Amino acid sequence: MMASLKRYAASHLAAAGLVIVVVALFAALFGPWLVPYDPGAQDILQRLKPPLWQGAEGIHLFGTDALGRDIFSRIVVGARVSMLVGVSSVVISGAVGVTFGLIAGYEDKYAGRVLMMLTDIQLAIPFLVLALAVAAVVGPSLWNIIAILGLTNWVQYARVVRAECLVLREREFIQAAHMMGISSLHILTRHLLPNVMSSIIVISSLLVAKMILFESSLSFLGLGVPPETPTWGTMISEGRNYIGNAWWVATIPGFAIFVTVVGTNLVGDRLRDLLDPRLRQMEG
């Protein structure tokens, strides 16, 4: 365990990315109990107060928005929505995509070709257009957004897992399992799945950042979670009209998205370097 951590921390950028992800997860888990203000409490007398470093009075670290709500508290609580959407939608995408990829790669006959035809259809439809259409029909809801993102981003898993299974099924240990009469389900879950886990982990770590961006985009357009729930995308949308005289209302949530996405991508890139045998050989 310690050796793996040392190898990971050999990249200072990856270590910084891990710190960012840990802080975001900590805020998502414990933020609502640590913030100094109720993120939904309004105080018109305190509206559009600048951040502390601009000489503002009081203890609003990141200032306040147009309704006098504390931006720092809303940023911290908004991390819960972003991380929940990112992780949950990736779990759904992974479950669907890996299942399709395993079956398509192992069978590669009628069932496999039908499944891959579905992936081609999915790729032919622009994701944002599909997500906007579905969100407009089902309405804004946290779980609706998770389901939409999860069920429209499984193709990458399916294609990568299928490609690896097409190679693995010709290996001697798979052929031996066939000759021993081992069931297809056992081969899929006990032999093929463990051998594609490294690719699944890498895809998942990179896809979390993508999901956070998608959720923020939908929230910005008013098709994300309900407006009363603090989210980074909603905060940017609410602050865009004040960018000229109160830049912090929209800029600070945008910076939170930027830092979280960069940190998650740094973690994903490092995991890819460590888990991909070809890149590991080049690094060695």
C-alpha atoms as a PDB file:
ATOM      1  CA  MET A   1       0.000   0.000   0.000  1.00  0.00           C
ATOM      2  CA  MET A   2       2.726   2.461   0.991  1.00  0.00           C
ATOM      3  CA  ALA A   3       4.744   1.559  -2.106  1.00  0.00           C
ATOM      4  CA  SER A   4       1.734   2.330  -4.318  1.00  0.00           C
ATOM      5  CA  LEU A   5       1.215   5.686  -2.586  1.00  0.00           C
ATOM      6  CA  LYS A   6       4.879   6.572  -3.064  1.00  0.00           C
ATOM      7  CA  ARG A   7       4.667   5.743  -6.766  1.00  0.00           C
ATOM      8  CA  TYR A   8       1.545   7.872  -7.064  1.00  0.00           C
ATOM      9  CA  ALA A   9       3.053  10.789  -5.115  1.00  0.00           C
ATOM     10  CA  ALA A  10       6.150  10.758  -7.329  1.00  0.00           C
ATOM     11  CA  SER A  11       4.166  13.157  -9.513  1.00  0.00           C
ATOM     12  CA  HIS A  12       3.682  16.427  -7.630  1.00  0.00           C
ATOM     13  CA  LEU A  13       0.802  17.436  -9.893  1.00  0.00           C
ATOM     14  CA  ALA A  14      -0.976  14.144  -9.207  1.00  0.00           C
ATOM     15  CA  ALA A  15      -0.436  14.605  -5.467  1.00  0.00           C
ATOM     16  CA  ALA A  16      -1.944  18.099  -5.702  1.00  0.00           C
ATOM     17  CA  GLY A  17      -4.884  16.663  -7.641  1.00  0.00           C
ATOM     18  CA  LEU A  18      -5.458  14.056  -4.943  1.00  0.00           C
ATOM     19  CA  VAL A  19      -5.488  16.777  -2.268  1.00  0.00           C
ATOM     20  CA  ILE A  20      -8.107  18.705  -4.271  1.00  0.00           C
ATOM     21  CA  VAL A  21     -10.291  15.610  -4.654  1.00  0.00           C
ATOM     22  CA  VAL A  22     -10.002  14.746  -0.945  1.00  0.00           C
ATOM     23  CA  VAL A  23     -10.969  18.314   0.034  1.00  0.00           C
ATOM     24  CA  ALA A  24     -13.956  18.218  -2.349  1.00  0.00           C
ATOM     25  CA  LEU A  25     -15.082  14.869  -0.934  1.00  0.00           C
ATOM     26  CA  PHE A  26     -14.650  16.147   2.625  1.00  0.00           C
ATOM     27  CA  ALA A  27     -16.776  19.198   1.794  1.00  0.00           C
ATOM     28  CA  ALA A  28     -19.393  16.968   0.189  1.00  0.00           C
ATOM     29  CA  LEU A  29     -19.583  14.681   3.226  1.00  0.00           C
ATOM     30  CA  PHE A  30     -19.266  17.126   6.115  1.00  0.00           C
ATOM     31  CA  GLY A  31     -19.719  20.596   4.609  1.00  0.00           C
ATOM     32  CA  PRO A  32     -23.327  21.195   5.723  1.00  0.00           C
ATOM     33  CA  TRP A  33     -22.235  20.863   9.364  1.00  0.00           C
ATOM     34  CA  LEU A  34     -19.140  23.055   9.018  1.00  0.00           C
ATOM     35  CA  VAL A  35     -20.362  26.129   7.131  1.00  0.00           C
ATOM     36  CA  PRO A  36     -20.702  29.394   9.103  1.00  0.00           C
ATOM     37  CA  TYR A  37     -24.085  30.352   7.593  1.00  0.00           C
ATOM     38  CA  ASP A  38     -27.244  28.680   6.387  1.00  0.00           C
ATOM     39  CA  PRO A  39     -26.641  28.524   2.601  1.00  0.00           C
ATOM     40  CA  GLY A  40     -30.284  29.403   1.950  1.00  0.00           C
ATOM     41  CA  ALA A  41     -30.623  32.231   4.486  1.00  0.00           C
ATOM     42  CA  GLN A  42     -31.299  35.592   2.810  1.00  0.00           C
ATOM     43  CA  ASP A  43     -30.279  38.996   4.163  1.00  0.00           C
ATOM     44  CA  ILE A  44     -30.973  41.842   1.757  1.00  0.00           C
ATOM     45  CA  LEU A  45     -29.013  44.267   3.946  1.00  0.00           C
ATOM     46  CA  GLN A  46     -25.901  42.181   3.235  1.00  0.00           C
ATOM     47  CA  ARG A  47     -26.437  41.734  -0.514  1.00  0.00           C
ATOM     48  CA  LEU A  48     -23.451  41.813  -2.888  1.00  0.00           C
ATOM     49  CA  LYS A  49     -20.866  42.198  -0.142  1.00  0.00           C
ATOM     50  CA  PRO A  50     -17.355  41.682  -1.601  1.00  0.00           C
ATOM     51  CA  PRO A  51     -14.924  39.008  -0.372  1.00  0.00           C
ATOM     52  CA  LEU A  52     -12.863  39.654   2.750  1.00  0.00           C
ATOM     53  CA  TRP A  53      -9.657  40.272   0.808  1.00  0.00           C
ATOM     54  CA  GLN A  54     -11.292  43.312  -0.786  1.00  0.00           C
ATOM     55  CA  GLY A  55     -11.755  44.924   2.600  1.00  0.00           C
ATOM     56  CA  ALA A  56     -15.360  43.907   3.200  1.00  0.00           C
ATOM     57  CA  GLU A  57     -16.833  44.115   6.657  1.00  0.00           C
ATOM     58  CA  GLY A  58     -18.119  41.033   8.468  1.00  0.00           C
ATOM     59  CA  ILE A  59     -17.023  37.438   8.072  1.00  0.00           C
ATOM     60  CA  HIS A  60     -18.299  36.554   4.604  1.00  0.00           C
ATOM     61  CA  LEU A  61     -15.099  34.975   3.287  1.00  0.00           C
ATOM     62  CA  PHE A  62     -16.185  34.894  -0.368  1.00  0.00           C
ATOM     63  CA  GLY A  63     -18.744  37.694  -0.097  1.00  0.00           C
ATOM     64  CA  THR A  64     -22.506  37.447  -0.629  1.00  0.00           C
ATOM     65  CA  ASP A  65     -24.816  37.155  -3.620  1.00  0.00           C
ATOM     66  CA  ALA A  66     -27.738  39.308  -4.763  1.00  0.00           C
ATOM     67  CA  LEU A  67     -29.965  37.928  -1.994  1.00  0.00           C
ATOM     68  CA  GLY A  68     -27.372  38.335   0.745  1.00  0.00           C
ATOM     69  CA  ARG A  69     -26.572  34.613   0.947  1.00  0.00           C
ATOM     70  CA  ASP A  70     -23.072  33.610   2.009  1.00  0.00           C
ATOM     71  CA  ILE A  71     -21.165  32.411  -1.064  1.00  0.00           C
ATOM     72  CA  PHE A  72     -18.617  30.351   0.886  1.00  0.00           C
ATOM     73  CA  SER A  73     -21.394  28.347   2.561  1.00  0.00           C
ATOM     74  CA  ARG A  74     -23.120  27.794  -0.776  1.00  0.00           C
ATOM     75  CA  ILE A  75     -19.855  26.713  -2.425  1.00  0.00           C
ATOM     76  CA  VAL A  76     -19.194  24.129   0.290  1.00  0.00           C
ATOM     77  CA  VAL A  77     -22.746  22.768   0.277  1.00  0.00           C
ATOM     78  CA  GLY A  78     -22.791  22.812  -3.529  1.00  0.00           C
ATOM     79  CA  ALA A  79     -19.819  20.437  -3.517  1.00  0.00           C
ATOM     80  CA  ARG A  80     -22.161  17.749  -2.186  1.00  0.00           C
ATOM     81  CA  VAL A  81     -24.387  17.975  -5.253  1.00  0.00           C
ATOM     82  CA  SER A  82     -21.480  18.045  -7.708  1.00  0.00           C
ATOM     83  CA  MET A  83     -19.649  15.096  -6.152  1.00  0.00           C
ATOM     84  CA  LEU A  84     -22.853  13.090  -5.657  1.00  0.00           C
ATOM     85  CA  VAL A  85     -23.844  13.596  -9.283  1.00  0.00           C
ATOM     86  CA  GLY A  86     -20.312  12.886 -10.508  1.00  0.00           C
ATOM     87  CA  VAL A  87     -19.804   9.664  -8.565  1.00  0.00           C
ATOM     88  CA  SER A  88     -23.360   8.294  -8.799  1.00  0.00           C
ATOM     89  CA  SER A  89     -23.708   8.864 -12.539  1.00  0.00           C
ATOM     90  CA  VAL A  90     -20.318   7.240 -13.138  1.00  0.00           C
ATOM     91  CA  VAL A  91     -21.439   4.176 -11.157  1.00  0.00           C
ATOM     92  CA  ILE A  92     -24.541   3.896 -13.360  1.00  0.00           C
ATOM     93  CA  SER A  93     -22.556   4.464 -16.564  1.00  0.00           C
ATOM     94  CA  GLY A  94     -19.980   1.894 -15.501  1.00  0.00           C
ATOM     95  CA  ALA A  95     -22.577  -0.730 -14.608  1.00  0.00           C
ATOM     96  CA  VAL A  96     -24.343  -0.377 -17.968  1.00  0.00           C
ATOM     97  CA  GLY A  97     -21.260   0.071 -20.143  1.00  0.00           C
ATOM     98  CA  VAL A  98     -19.160  -2.678 -18.564  1.00  0.00           C
ATOM     99  CA  THR A  99     -22.048  -5.158 -18.785  1.00  0.00           C
ATOM    100  CA  PHE A 100     -22.606  -4.361 -22.457  1.00  0.00           C
ATOM    101  CA  GLY A 101     -18.871  -4.421 -23.181  1.00  0.00           C
ATOM    102  CA  LEU A 102     -18.298  -7.792 -21.494  1.00  0.00           C
ATOM    103  CA  ILE A 103     -21.178  -9.440 -23.350  1.00  0.00           C
ATOM    104  CA  ALA A 104     -20.301  -7.860 -26.710  1.00  0.00           C
ATOM    105  CA  GLY A 105     -16.614  -8.755 -26.381  1.00  0.00           C
ATOM    106  CA  TYR A 106     -17.176 -12.301 -25.181  1.00  0.00           C
ATOM    107  CA  GLU A 107     -19.960 -13.297 -27.560  1.00  0.00           C
ATOM    108  CA  ASP A 108     -19.148 -11.092 -30.597  1.00  0.00           C
ATOM    109  CA  LYS A 109     -21.983 -12.709 -32.500  1.00  0.00           C
ATOM    110  CA  TYR A 110     -25.573 -11.573 -32.807  1.00  0.00           C
ATOM    111  CA  ALA A 111     -25.892 -10.232 -29.252  1.00  0.00           C
ATOM    112  CA  GLY A 112     -22.514  -8.541 -29.406  1.00  0.00           C
ATOM    113  CA  ARG A 113     -23.251  -6.851 -32.715  1.00  0.00           C
ATOM    114  CA  VAL A 114     -26.640  -5.619 -31.515  1.00  0.00           C
ATOM    115  CA  LEU A 115     -25.062  -4.131 -28.397  1.00  0.00           C
ATOM    116  CA  MET A 116     -22.371  -2.370 -30.395  1.00  0.00           C
ATOM    117  CA  MET A 117     -25.019  -1.057 -32.789  1.00  0.00           C
ATOM    118  CA  LEU A 118     -26.657   0.555 -29.755  1.00  0.00           C
ATOM    119  CA  THR A 119     -23.365   2.238 -28.883  1.00  0.00           C
ATOM    120  CA  ASP A 120     -23.093   3.609 -32.429  1.00  0.00           C
ATOM    121  CA  ILE A 121     -26.623   5.022 -32.158  1.00  0.00           C
ATOM    122  CA  GLN A 122     -25.737   6.579 -28.806  1.00  0.00           C
ATOM    123  CA  LEU A 123     -22.608   8.174 -30.280  1.00  0.00           C
ATOM    124  CA  ALA A 124     -24.601   9.584 -33.204  1.00  0.00           C
ATOM    125  CA  ILE A 125     -26.748  11.696 -30.866  1.00  0.00           C
ATOM    126  CA  PRO A 126     -24.997  14.747 -29.345  1.00  0.00           C
ATOM    127  CA  PHE A 127     -24.991  14.203 -25.595  1.00  0.00           C
ATOM    128  CA  LEU A 128     -25.967  17.718 -24.577  1.00  0.00           C
ATOM    129  CA  VAL A 129     -28.929  17.753 -26.975  1.00  0.00           C
ATOM    130  CA  LEU A 130     -30.129  14.406 -25.626  1.00  0.00           C
ATOM    131  CA  ALA A 131     -29.640  15.450 -21.998  1.00  0.00           C
ATOM    132  CA  LEU A 132     -31.456  18.753 -22.536  1.00  0.00           C
ATOM    133  CA  ALA A 133     -34.381  16.999 -24.217  1.00  0.00           C
ATOM    134  CA  VAL A 134     -34.747  14.388 -21.479  1.00  0.00           C
ATOM    135  CA  ALA A 135     -34.287  16.944 -18.679  1.00  0.00           C
ATOM    136  CA  ALA A 136     -36.948  19.174 -20.223  1.00  0.00           C
ATOM    137  CA  VAL A 137     -39.390  16.242 -20.286  1.00  0.00           C
ATOM    138  CA  VAL A 138     -38.772  14.734 -16.829  1.00  0.00           C
ATOM    139  CA  GLY A 139     -38.167  18.044 -15.049  1.00  0.00           C
ATOM    140  CA  PRO A 140     -35.432  19.276 -12.705  1.00  0.00           C
ATOM    141  CA  SER A 141     -34.519  16.778 -10.004  1.00  0.00           C
ATOM    142  CA  LEU A 142     -31.243  15.576  -8.500  1.00  0.00           C
ATOM    143  CA  TRP A 143     -31.991  11.913  -9.180  1.00  0.00           C
ATOM    144  CA  ASN A 144     -33.303  12.654 -12.667  1.00  0.00           C
ATOM    145  CA  ILE A 145     -30.013  14.364 -13.523  1.00  0.00           C
ATOM    146  CA  ILE A 146     -28.014  11.438 -12.119  1.00  0.00           C
ATOM    147  CA  ALA A 147     -30.072   8.992 -14.191  1.00  0.00           C
ATOM    148  CA  ILE A 148     -29.786  11.111 -17.352  1.00  0.00           C
ATOM    149  CA  LEU A 149     -26.018  11.469 -17.062  1.00  0.00           C
ATOM    150  CA  GLY A 150     -25.546   7.834 -16.090  1.00  0.00           C
ATOM    151  CA  LEU A 151     -27.619   6.414 -18.933  1.00  0.00           C
ATOM    152  CA  THR A 152     -26.132   8.640 -21.650  1.00  0.00           C
ATOM    153  CA  ASN A 153     -22.419   8.186 -20.924  1.00  0.00           C
ATOM    154  CA  TRP A 154     -21.898   4.412 -20.881  1.00  0.00           C
ATOM    155  CA  VAL A 155     -20.535   4.107 -24.426  1.00  0.00           C
ATOM    156  CA  GLN A 156     -16.892   4.720 -23.505  1.00  0.00           C
ATOM    157  CA  TYR A 157     -16.967   1.854 -21.013  1.00  0.00           C
ATOM    158  CA  ALA A 158     -18.627  -0.482 -23.519  1.00  0.00           C
ATOM    159  CA  ARG A 159     -16.166   0.181 -26.338  1.00  0.00           C
ATOM    160  CA  VAL A 160     -13.024  -0.104 -24.217  1.00  0.00           C
ATOM    161  CA  VAL A 161     -14.179  -3.217 -22.340  1.00  0.00           C
ATOM    162  CA  ARG A 162     -15.296  -4.908 -25.563  1.00  0.00           C
ATOM    163  CA  ALA A 163     -11.945  -4.232 -27.234  1.00  0.00           C
ATOM    164  CA  GLU A 164     -10.050  -5.744 -24.305  1.00  0.00           C
ATOM    165  CA  CYS A 165     -12.378  -8.753 -24.062  1.00  0.00           C
ATOM    166  CA  LEU A 166     -11.898  -9.530 -27.761  1.00  0.00           C
ATOM    167  CA  VAL A 167      -8.196  -9.976 -27.019  1.00  0.00           C
ATOM    168  CA  LEU A 168      -8.603 -11.729 -23.673  1.00  0.00           C
ATOM    169  CA  ARG A 169     -11.040 -14.361 -24.931  1.00  0.00           C
ATOM    170  CA  GLU A 170      -8.300 -15.770 -27.182  1.00  0.00           C
ATOM    171  CA  ARG A 171      -5.899 -16.195 -24.267  1.00  0.00           C
ATOM    172  CA  GLU A 172      -5.034 -19.690 -23.057  1.00  0.00           C
ATOM    173  CA  PHE A 173      -6.631 -19.352 -19.628  1.00  0.00           C
ATOM    174  CA  ILE A 174      -9.982 -18.441 -21.191  1.00  0.00           C
ATOM    175  CA  GLN A 175      -9.740 -21.306 -23.676  1.00  0.00           C
ATOM    176  CA  ALA A 176      -8.903 -23.665 -20.812  1.00  0.00           C
ATOM    177  CA  ALA A 177     -11.942 -22.466 -18.885  1.00  0.00           C
ATOM    178  CA  HIS A 178     -14.090 -23.244 -21.948  1.00  0.00           C
ATOM    179  CA  MET A 179     -12.726 -26.762 -22.219  1.00  0.00           C
ATOM    180  CA  MET A 180     -13.370 -27.366 -18.515  1.00  0.00           C
ATOM    181  CA  GLY A 181     -17.042 -26.566 -19.061  1.00  0.00           C
ATOM    182  CA  ILE A 182     -17.063 -23.447 -16.884  1.00  0.00           C
ATOM    183  CA  SER A 183     -20.173 -21.335 -17.428  1.00  0.00           C
ATOM    184  CA  SER A 184     -20.060 -18.132 -19.445  1.00  0.00           C
ATOM    185  CA  LEU A 185     -21.230 -16.108 -16.431  1.00  0.00           C
ATOM    186  CA  HIS A 186     -18.337 -17.448 -14.357  1.00  0.00           C
ATOM    187  CA  ILE A 187     -15.843 -16.624 -17.123  1.00  0.00           C
ATOM    188  CA  LEU A 188     -17.247 -13.104 -17.492  1.00  0.00           C
ATOM    189  CA  THR A 189     -17.224 -12.275 -13.784  1.00  0.00           C
ATOM    190  CA  ARG A 190     -14.199 -14.218 -12.543  1.00  0.00           C
ATOM    191  CA  HIS A 191     -11.793 -14.106 -15.493  1.00  0.00           C
ATOM    192  CA  LEU A 192     -12.618 -11.259 -17.876  1.00  0.00           C
ATOM    193  CA  LEU A 193     -13.892  -8.597 -15.461  1.00  0.00           C
ATOM    194  CA  PRO A 194     -10.815  -8.623 -13.151  1.00  0.00           C
ATOM    195  CA  ASN A 195      -8.553  -8.240 -16.180  1.00  0.00           C
ATOM    196  CA  VAL A 196     -10.292  -5.094 -17.406  1.00  0.00           C
ATOM    197  CA  MET A 197     -10.629  -3.432 -13.988  1.00  0.00           C
ATOM    198  CA  SER A 198      -7.599  -1.172 -14.495  1.00  0.00           C
ATOM    199  CA  SER A 199      -9.202   0.370 -17.593  1.00  0.00           C
ATOM    200  CA  ILE A 200     -12.523   0.731 -15.764  1.00  0.00           C
ATOM    201  CA  ILE A 201     -10.846   2.582 -12.878  1.00  0.00           C
ATOM    202  CA  VAL A 202      -9.073   4.986 -15.229  1.00  0.00           C
ATOM    203  CA  ILE A 203     -12.214   5.717 -17.272  1.00  0.00           C
ATOM    204  CA  SER A 204     -14.220   6.271 -14.085  1.00  0.00           C
ATOM    205  CA  SER A 205     -11.741   8.728 -12.580  1.00  0.00           C
ATOM    206  CA  LEU A 206     -11.678  10.805 -15.762  1.00  0.00           C
ATOM    207  CA  LEU A 207     -15.441  10.585 -16.301  1.00  0.00           C
ATOM    208  CA  VAL A 208     -16.234  12.032 -12.854  1.00  0.00           C
ATOM    209  CA  ALA A 209     -14.801  15.383 -13.983  1.00  0.00           C
ATOM    210  CA  LYS A 210     -16.868  15.224 -17.162  1.00  0.00           C
ATOM    211  CA  MET A 211     -20.038  14.539 -15.173  1.00  0.00           C
ATOM    212  CA  ILE A 212     -19.380  17.491 -12.852  1.00  0.00           C
ATOM    213  CA  LEU A 213     -19.094  19.760 -15.898  1.00  0.00           C
ATOM    214  CA  PHE A 214     -22.276  18.348 -17.428  1.00  0.00           C
ATOM    215  CA  GLU A 215     -24.226  18.814 -14.189  1.00  0.00           C
ATOM    216  CA  SER A 216     -22.985  22.396 -13.906  1.00  0.00           C
ATOM    217  CA  SER A 217     -23.988  23.060 -17.519  1.00  0.00           C
ATOM    218  CA  LEU A 218     -27.498  21.706 -17.002  1.00  0.00           C
ATOM    219  CA  SER A 219     -27.884  23.667 -13.750  1.00  0.00           C
ATOM    220  CA  PHE A 220     -26.677  26.834 -15.499  1.00  0.00           C
ATOM    221  CA  LEU A 221     -29.392  26.336 -18.119  1.00  0.00           C
ATOM    222  CA  GLY A 222     -32.019  25.794 -15.428  1.00  0.00           C
ATOM    223  CA  LEU A 223     -32.463  22.080 -16.191  1.00  0.00           C
ATOM    224  CA  GLY A 224     -30.430  20.686 -13.316  1.00  0.00           C
ATOM    225  CA  VAL A 225     -31.474  20.226  -9.716  1.00  0.00           C
ATOM    226  CA  PRO A 226     -34.270  22.443  -8.280  1.00  0.00           C
ATOM    227  CA  PRO A 227     -33.208  26.118  -7.922  1.00  0.00           C
ATOM    228  CA  GLU A 228     -33.488  26.094  -4.124  1.00  0.00           C
ATOM    229  CA  THR A 229     -30.644  23.553  -3.920  1.00  0.00           C
ATOM    230  CA  PRO A 230     -27.213  25.263  -3.971  1.00  0.00           C
ATOM    231  CA  THR A 231     -25.171  24.078  -6.951  1.00  0.00           C
ATOM    232  CA  TRP A 232     -22.150  25.620  -8.608  1.00  0.00           C
ATOM    233  CA  GLY A 233     -23.849  25.833 -12.008  1.00  0.00           C
ATOM    234  CA  THR A 234     -26.909  27.562 -10.553  1.00  0.00           C
ATOM    235  CA  MET A 235     -24.695  30.041  -8.689  1.00  0.00           C
ATOM    236  CA  ILE A 236     -22.949  30.988 -11.932  1.00  0.00           C
ATOM    237  CA  SER A 237     -26.308  31.410 -13.658  1.00  0.00           C
ATOM    238  CA  GLU A 238     -27.611  33.633 -10.847  1.00  0.00           C
ATOM    239  CA  GLY A 239     -24.437  35.731 -10.798  1.00  0.00           C
ATOM    240  CA  ARG A 240     -23.984  36.339 -14.520  1.00  0.00           C
ATOM    241  CA  ASN A 241     -26.089  39.529 -14.388  1.00  0.00           C
ATOM    242  CA  TYR A 242     -23.740  41.008 -11.770  1.00  0.00           C
ATOM    243  CA  ILE A 243     -20.415  40.132 -13.387  1.00  0.00           C
ATOM    244  CA  GLY A 244     -19.672  43.812 -14.009  1.00  0.00           C
ATOM    245  CA  ASN A 245     -20.118  45.141 -10.475  1.00  0.00           C
ATOM    246  CA  ALA A 246     -19.999  41.953  -8.342  1.00  0.00           C
ATOM    247  CA  TRP A 247     -17.623  39.608 -10.150  1.00  0.00           C
ATOM    248  CA  TRP A 248     -17.279  37.215  -7.196  1.00  0.00           C
ATOM    249  CA  VAL A 249     -20.896  36.004  -7.369  1.00  0.00           C
ATOM    250  CA  ALA A 250     -20.279  34.059 -10.602  1.00  0.00           C
ATOM    251  CA  THR A 251     -16.484  33.843 -10.716  1.00  0.00           C
ATOM    252  CA  ILE A 252     -15.887  32.029  -7.415  1.00  0.00           C
ATOM    253  CA  PRO A 253     -18.307  29.141  -8.200  1.00  0.00           C
ATOM    254  CA  GLY A 254     -16.713  28.929 -11.642  1.00  0.00           C
ATOM    255  CA  PHE A 255     -13.281  28.702 -10.046  1.00  0.00           C
ATOM    256  CA  ALA A 256     -14.565  25.923  -7.754  1.00  0.00           C
ATOM    257  CA  ILE A 257     -15.669  23.938 -10.818  1.00  0.00           C
ATOM    258  CA  PHE A 258     -12.344  24.592 -12.547  1.00  0.00           C
ATOM    259  CA  VAL A 259     -10.223  23.469  -9.587  1.00  0.00           C
ATOM    260  CA  THR A 260     -12.311  20.350  -8.918  1.00  0.00           C
ATOM    261  CA  VAL A 261     -12.296  19.264 -12.568  1.00  0.00           C
ATOM    262  CA  VAL A 262      -8.550  19.855 -12.920  1.00  0.00           C
ATOM    263  CA  GLY A 263      -7.852  17.948  -9.690  1.00  0.00           C
ATOM    264  CA  THR A 264      -9.991  15.002 -10.787  1.00  0.00           C
ATOM    265  CA  ASN A 265      -8.320  14.911 -14.202  1.00  0.00           C
ATOM    266  CA  LEU A 266      -4.866  14.954 -12.607  1.00  0.00           C
ATOM    267  CA  VAL A 267      -5.826  11.940 -10.489  1.00  0.00           C
ATOM    268  CA  GLY A 268      -7.209  10.145 -13.538  1.00  0.00           C
ATOM    269  CA  ASP A 269      -4.114  10.854 -15.632  1.00  0.00           C
ATOM    270  CA  ARG A 270      -1.831   9.528 -12.900  1.00  0.00           C
ATOM    271  CA  LEU A 271      -3.908   6.380 -12.432  1.00  0.00           C
ATOM    272  CA  ARG A 272      -3.738   5.792 -16.177  1.00  0.00           C
ATOM    273  CA  ASP A 273       0.050   6.130 -16.089  1.00  0.00           C
ATOM    274  CA  LEU A 274       0.302   3.654 -13.212  1.00  0.00           C
ATOM    275  CA  LEU A 275      -2.254   1.087 -14.379  1.00  0.00           C
ATOM    276  CA  ASP A 276      -1.620   1.026 -18.143  1.00  0.00           C
ATOM    277  CA  PRO A 277       1.182  -1.544 -18.660  1.00  0.00           C
ATOM    278  CA  ARG A 278       2.448   0.151 -21.835  1.00  0.00           C
ATOM    279  CA  LEU A 279       2.779   3.536 -20.152  1.00  0.00           C
ATOM    280  CA  ARG A 280       4.284   1.866 -17.076  1.00  0.00           C
ATOM    281  CA  GLN A 281       6.990   0.274 -19.232  1.00  0.00           C
ATOM    282  CA  MET A 282       7.771   3.625 -20.878  1.00  0.00           C
ATOM    283  CA  GLU A 283       7.959   5.279 -17.440  1.00  0.00           C
ATOM    284  CA  GLY A 284      10.314   2.550 -16.228  1.00  0.00           C
END
